[in-house]
Amino acid sequence: MLLFGFAALATLAAVVPSIARAEVKAAGDANITVITNDLGKYYVARRCISSVGGGDPNGAGASIGPGYIYRMDVGGKEVLAPEKASEPQTGLGVFQLDIYREQDKTDAGGEQGFRALQGNICRGAPGGIFFTRGAGVVPKDDFRDDAGGGPVSQTYIWMHYTVDMADNHGVVLVRLQYKYRFYSKLVQVWTRITTCPNGCNTATEPAAAGEEPASTYPYAKMPRYTQVVAGSREMVLKYNRVSCYTEQGVHLMTATNITNPQVGTAGNHCSDTRRDYVVLHSDGTIPNLKIVGKAYPHADPWGPDQAFFPWESAPGECSRGVDLWALKITPPSCGDSRPNGNEAGDGPDGTNVGCRASVSNDGEGRNWELLGDSRTGGASSYKLATNGADAAGRGVYMKGWEDGVGPDSCPTLYDKFGPPAERYSNYFSYLLQP
């Protein structure tokens, strides 16, 4: 069983005055931690799990990374379920970043220099979605740094994780930290990204097969946190509307297409600077899911008990979190005028036709993308890992900025990495609303 240490617990009465007094329970083993509260059950992996379920002796092709909520049960049924690794990311709080290196432009795999770091793809795991070859979460026995408050608490249970994500050259480009607090009804998580903690060309992991040491500086596009509930059609299709709101509850927009992303998602982008949370509205037979996204100070000490800030700053102001990353191409004081696209001669080039923005700091490019997919058969974006059955998805990509239609699109939205150890912090909460 999972052992929890005892630590001094500070109540967040100012933030969650009606939530900080109920019972929450923790269980699990060396692979996963399972938290049960009044409204649901949440699963977080402690290590890379490259396959789950199914009759295949190698599993069903799912890939679960550590630190994010990969499964959520409501009323004893899976609403968020593990998906096949060859399908789009699912989970609550899972991170993704598109990257580019000029030296990889002629790689035999056909990626043309582009890769995707995905928090659900473990480095070296087979069957990952295209562009993840040789890249992903660095394997480790246990990514959980610390935990406390359990196994049963009348206040909250907390857990901390540190996850490294490396490219095909063995360079850790992202170190992602999670700090959780699980209450009886609310789940809170503080995240912090550190880019290139050991240097942007310094390998600390073995290179993928056939790869040379890193020699050209990397570029980044669309840092995002995926908040996608995907699972059985019986459960997920109960979410029939996805909407975006201000902190005060003012409705900003509702996604116009949550059935088939291939016919266009132009009506699914919430780019209002006041955006604060998204609600997956149900038909009333399961709870709504409220997902809050905010910016947070990145300096030590970081995490609980610091002040929140809006996800995106007002025009003319410097931002925080991954939205600040979008401003790094601007002059000081918000940015450092770093190159984007192929300005410096070692970035991606090509056409920007069809892109919502031409540079990362463009307001239209800084948005949350609400989404859904209800397709079946070969067109379905989501397949259950346990049996390969068609699944459905609903959720939101909480982005620093746009990526177009994938890593190899919209080249001028790629910004050169800055100096090592830049940091960007955000805050999320998840509340099932009966």
Foldseek 3Di string as FASTA:
>chain_A
DDDADADDDDFPCVVCVPFFFAKKAWDDDLFWIWIAFQFKIWIFTFWWDQADAAPPPNHLQFIAAGDFTQWMGGPNHTQRATFHQQFDDEGFFKKKKKKFFLVCCPPPLPPRRIAMETRRDEAPRPDHHPRPHQWYWDGDSGQKDHWHQDNMHRGWIKTKGWIFIAHQQQFGQWIKIWIWTDTNFKIKIKMKIFGRQPWQQDHPGHHHPPDDGGDGFMWIFKIWTWHKGKDACVNNVQQPWKFWAAPVRHTDAIFPDAAACVVDRPRFWALPQRTFWMWRDGNPPFFIKIKGKWFFDWDPPGDPPGDTHHNHDDPPDQGAFLLLVQCQCPVPDSHPVFAFQCPVPGFHDDDQPPPQDQGSNPSSFQTKGWYKHNDADPSASTAHSNHRHGMIMTGIINISGHCGPDSNHNRRHITGDDTGTDMGMMMMMMGGGD
